[in-house]
Amino acid sequence: MKFVVIGNRGSDAGYWVWDGHGWKHVGGWGVEQLFEVASALNIMRESTHLKTPGLAEAAAKSVSEFVSKELGQHLKEGAGVVILG
């Protein structure tokens, strides 16, 4: 199983992958682009706290296409993403 860790906003714009044996740093995301992805993931995470019917879904849906497109450029097909916070 692989794990992907997106680092601090404004860092060197990379992320880390745990492949079961060790950590590998992967670059290639621009700083602004990584900030946008991290912010959109935060919107998805925070939407789980909304209790008004339909509001959580609307908030998550508003960024889900962008998140899928961006993560799809860096993760293999079928990979999952866990949002912690």
Protein backbone atom coordinates (compact mmCIF):
# COMPACT_ATOMS: atom_id res chain seq x y z
CA MET A 1 0.00 0.00 0.00
CA LYS A 2 1.24 3.48 -0.85
CA PHE A 3 0.58 6.66 1.09
CA VAL A 4 0.85 10.22 -0.24
CA VAL A 5 1.57 13.12 2.10
CA ILE A 6 1.08 16.64 0.78
CA GLY A 7 3.47 18.96 2.61
CA ASN A 8 3.19 22.45 3.98
CA ARG A 9 1.68 25.12 1.81
CA GLY A 10 4.31 27.28 0.21
CA SER A 11 7.01 24.62 0.55
CA ASP A 12 9.08 23.29 -2.33
CA ALA A 13 5.81 22.21 -3.98
CA GLY A 14 6.43 18.53 -3.68
CA TYR A 15 4.86 15.69 -1.82
CA TRP A 16 6.05 12.47 -0.19
CA VAL A 17 5.15 8.89 -1.08
CA TRP A 18 5.54 5.97 1.33
CA ASP A 19 5.94 2.80 -0.75
CA GLY A 20 6.11 0.33 2.12
CA HIS A 21 9.89 0.52 2.29
CA GLY A 22 10.69 4.19 2.68
CA TRP A 23 9.76 7.76 1.82
CA LYS A 24 10.31 9.17 -1.66
CA HIS A 25 10.04 12.91 -2.35
CA VAL A 26 8.23 13.82 -5.56
CA GLY A 27 8.40 17.31 -7.01
CA GLY A 28 6.58 18.74 -9.97
CA TRP A 29 3.66 20.63 -8.50
CA GLY A 30 3.95 24.40 -8.64
CA VAL A 31 3.66 26.21 -5.30
CA GLU A 32 0.43 28.01 -6.25
CA GLN A 33 -1.06 24.86 -7.74
CA LEU A 34 -0.24 22.82 -4.63
CA PHE A 35 -1.77 25.55 -2.46
CA GLU A 36 -4.97 25.38 -4.53
CA VAL A 37 -5.16 21.58 -4.24
CA ALA A 38 -4.53 21.66 -0.48
CA SER A 39 -7.19 24.38 -0.07
CA ALA A 40 -9.72 22.42 -2.13
CA LEU A 41 -9.02 19.27 -0.09
CA ASN A 42 -9.58 21.35 3.04
CA ILE A 43 -12.99 22.44 1.69
CA MET A 44 -13.90 18.78 1.15
CA ARG A 45 -12.73 17.90 4.67
CA GLU A 46 -14.59 20.78 6.29
CA SER A 47 -17.78 20.02 4.34
CA THR A 48 -18.21 16.84 6.40
CA HIS A 49 -19.06 19.06 9.40
CA LEU A 50 -22.04 20.71 7.68
CA LYS A 51 -25.41 19.43 8.88
CA THR A 52 -27.83 21.37 6.64
CA PRO A 53 -29.30 18.89 4.15
CA GLY A 54 -27.51 19.13 0.81
CA LEU A 55 -24.98 21.75 1.93
CA ALA A 56 -22.10 19.32 2.55
CA GLU A 57 -22.63 17.69 -0.82
CA ALA A 58 -22.80 21.05 -2.61
CA ALA A 59 -19.59 22.27 -0.97
CA ALA A 60 -17.68 19.08 -1.78
CA LYS A 61 -19.06 18.92 -5.31
CA SER A 62 -17.94 22.49 -5.98
CA VAL A 63 -14.28 21.44 -5.76
CA SER A 64 -14.39 17.69 -6.50
CA GLU A 65 -13.80 17.97 -10.26
CA PHE A 66 -10.77 20.21 -9.71
CA VAL A 67 -9.36 17.90 -7.01
CA SER A 68 -9.89 14.80 -9.17
CA LYS A 69 -8.16 16.42 -12.15
CA GLU A 70 -5.18 17.64 -10.14
CA LEU A 71 -4.65 14.47 -8.11
CA GLY A 72 -5.18 12.36 -11.22
CA GLN A 73 -2.08 13.94 -12.76
CA HIS A 74 0.05 12.70 -9.86
CA LEU A 75 -1.59 9.48 -8.65
CA LYS A 76 -2.13 6.23 -10.51
CA GLU A 77 -5.62 5.13 -11.59
CA GLY A 78 -7.51 3.53 -8.73
CA ALA A 79 -5.50 5.25 -6.00
CA GLY A 80 -7.40 6.52 -3.01
CA VAL A 81 -6.94 9.72 -1.04
CA VAL A 82 -7.52 10.08 2.69
CA ILE A 83 -8.08 13.59 4.05
CA LEU A 84 -7.13 14.02 7.70
CA GLY A 85 -7.53 17.00 9.91
